[in-house]
């Protein structure tokens, strides 16, 4: 049971960050007169991007330590974008964050 709870708490770290970025983006859009649905979906994109790019950076750091002799210059510029080489934790965090902001945008956008 503690292993499941540990996985859930670790995999859910990006969800509040992604939703927070989404809501902040939506609030800025609302202040600028952007329609609610557009603001929510643009916010979803922003929240997803923040979490996705964090995982790209984490993969780059892991690669640099494992194969690059501690030097970023030894790494190909696209290495972080190789999602198929990400570890399971990175994939799960990113998928959950994207799903969370999509649910928020879908549910909140239907009410308007």
Protein backbone atom coordinates (compact mmCIF):
# COMPACT_ATOMS: atom_id res chain seq x y z
CA UNK A 1 0.00 0.00 0.00
CA UNK A 2 2.79 2.45 0.84
CA UNK A 3 4.37 1.77 -2.57
CA UNK A 4 1.13 2.79 -4.30
CA UNK A 5 0.84 5.94 -2.20
CA UNK A 6 4.49 6.76 -2.89
CA UNK A 7 3.91 6.38 -6.63
CA UNK A 8 0.78 8.52 -6.52
CA UNK A 9 2.37 11.33 -4.55
CA UNK A 10 5.43 11.29 -6.80
CA UNK A 11 3.43 11.09 -10.02
CA UNK A 12 1.03 13.85 -8.98
CA UNK A 13 3.66 16.52 -8.39
CA UNK A 14 3.12 18.16 -11.77
CA UNK A 15 -0.67 18.25 -11.58
CA UNK A 16 -1.01 21.27 -9.26
CA UNK A 17 1.78 23.06 -11.13
CA UNK A 18 0.12 22.49 -14.51
CA UNK A 19 -3.34 23.46 -13.24
CA UNK A 20 -1.89 26.53 -11.48
CA UNK A 21 -0.21 27.71 -14.68
CA UNK A 22 -3.44 26.99 -16.56
CA UNK A 23 -5.57 29.04 -14.17
CA UNK A 24 -3.06 31.90 -14.08
CA UNK A 25 -3.01 31.97 -17.89
CA UNK A 26 -6.80 31.84 -17.99
CA UNK A 27 -6.97 34.74 -15.51
CA UNK A 28 -4.59 36.83 -17.60
CA UNK A 29 -6.58 36.00 -20.72
CA UNK A 30 -9.82 36.90 -19.02
CA UNK A 31 -8.39 40.27 -17.98
CA UNK A 32 -7.43 40.85 -21.62
CA UNK A 33 -10.88 39.88 -22.90
CA UNK A 34 -10.06 36.40 -24.23
CA UNK A 35 -13.13 34.11 -24.35
CA UNK A 36 -13.33 31.62 -21.48
CA UNK A 37 -12.89 28.43 -23.53
CA UNK A 38 -9.96 29.84 -25.46
CA UNK A 39 -8.32 31.03 -22.25
CA UNK A 40 -8.78 27.66 -20.57
CA UNK A 41 -7.33 25.73 -23.52
CA UNK A 42 -4.45 28.15 -23.99
CA UNK A 43 -3.80 27.79 -20.26
CA UNK A 44 -3.89 24.01 -20.66
CA UNK A 45 -1.26 24.30 -23.36
CA UNK A 46 0.88 26.54 -21.13
CA UNK A 47 0.59 24.22 -18.12
CA UNK A 48 1.37 21.15 -20.20
CA UNK A 49 4.35 22.86 -21.78
CA UNK A 50 5.83 23.90 -18.44
CA UNK A 51 5.68 20.33 -17.13
CA UNK A 52 6.83 18.77 -20.39
CA UNK A 53 9.83 21.05 -20.69
CA UNK A 54 10.82 20.32 -17.10
CA UNK A 55 10.96 16.64 -17.97
CA UNK A 56 12.95 17.40 -21.13
CA UNK A 57 15.49 19.21 -18.95
CA UNK A 58 15.55 16.39 -16.39
CA UNK A 59 16.23 13.85 -19.15
CA UNK A 60 19.07 16.04 -20.45
CA UNK A 61 20.67 16.21 -16.99
CA UNK A 62 20.41 12.43 -16.59
CA UNK A 63 21.99 11.93 -20.03
CA UNK A 64 24.81 14.37 -19.27
CA UNK A 65 25.64 12.53 -16.06
CA UNK A 66 25.43 9.06 -17.62
CA UNK A 67 26.98 9.60 -21.06
CA UNK A 68 28.24 13.16 -21.46
CA UNK A 69 31.11 13.18 -18.96
CA UNK A 70 29.34 15.99 -17.11
CA UNK A 71 29.40 18.30 -20.15
CA UNK A 72 26.34 19.57 -21.95
CA UNK A 73 28.45 20.15 -25.06
CA UNK A 74 28.73 16.36 -25.48
CA UNK A 75 24.96 16.01 -25.86
CA UNK A 76 22.98 16.29 -29.08
CA UNK A 77 20.59 19.24 -29.01
CA UNK A 78 17.51 17.05 -29.43
CA UNK A 79 18.36 14.46 -26.75
CA UNK A 80 15.81 15.74 -24.24
CA UNK A 81 13.03 15.41 -26.80
CA UNK A 82 13.52 11.65 -27.10
CA UNK A 83 10.41 10.83 -25.10
CA UNK A 84 10.93 7.10 -25.75
CA UNK A 85 14.13 7.33 -23.65
CA UNK A 86 12.46 9.04 -20.68
CA UNK A 87 12.07 7.04 -17.50
CA UNK A 88 8.67 5.80 -16.42
CA UNK A 89 8.28 8.45 -13.73
CA UNK A 90 8.81 11.30 -16.21
CA UNK A 91 6.27 9.88 -18.64
CA UNK A 92 3.67 9.30 -15.93
CA UNK A 93 4.07 12.80 -14.48
CA UNK A 94 3.73 14.42 -17.88
CA UNK A 95 0.73 12.33 -18.97
CA UNK A 96 -1.10 12.99 -15.68
CA UNK A 97 -0.43 16.74 -15.88
CA UNK A 98 -1.68 16.93 -19.48
CA UNK A 99 -4.76 14.89 -18.58
CA UNK A 100 -5.50 17.09 -15.57
CA UNK A 101 -5.40 20.37 -17.50
CA UNK A 102 -7.49 18.84 -20.31
CA UNK A 103 -10.14 17.78 -17.78
CA UNK A 104 -10.17 21.23 -16.19
CA UNK A 105 -10.47 22.94 -19.59
CA UNK A 106 -13.18 20.57 -20.76
CA UNK A 107 -15.29 20.72 -17.59
CA UNK A 108 -14.90 24.45 -16.92
CA UNK A 109 -15.33 25.30 -20.60
CA UNK A 110 -18.63 23.44 -20.85
CA UNK A 111 -20.16 25.51 -18.07
CA UNK A 112 -19.72 28.78 -19.95
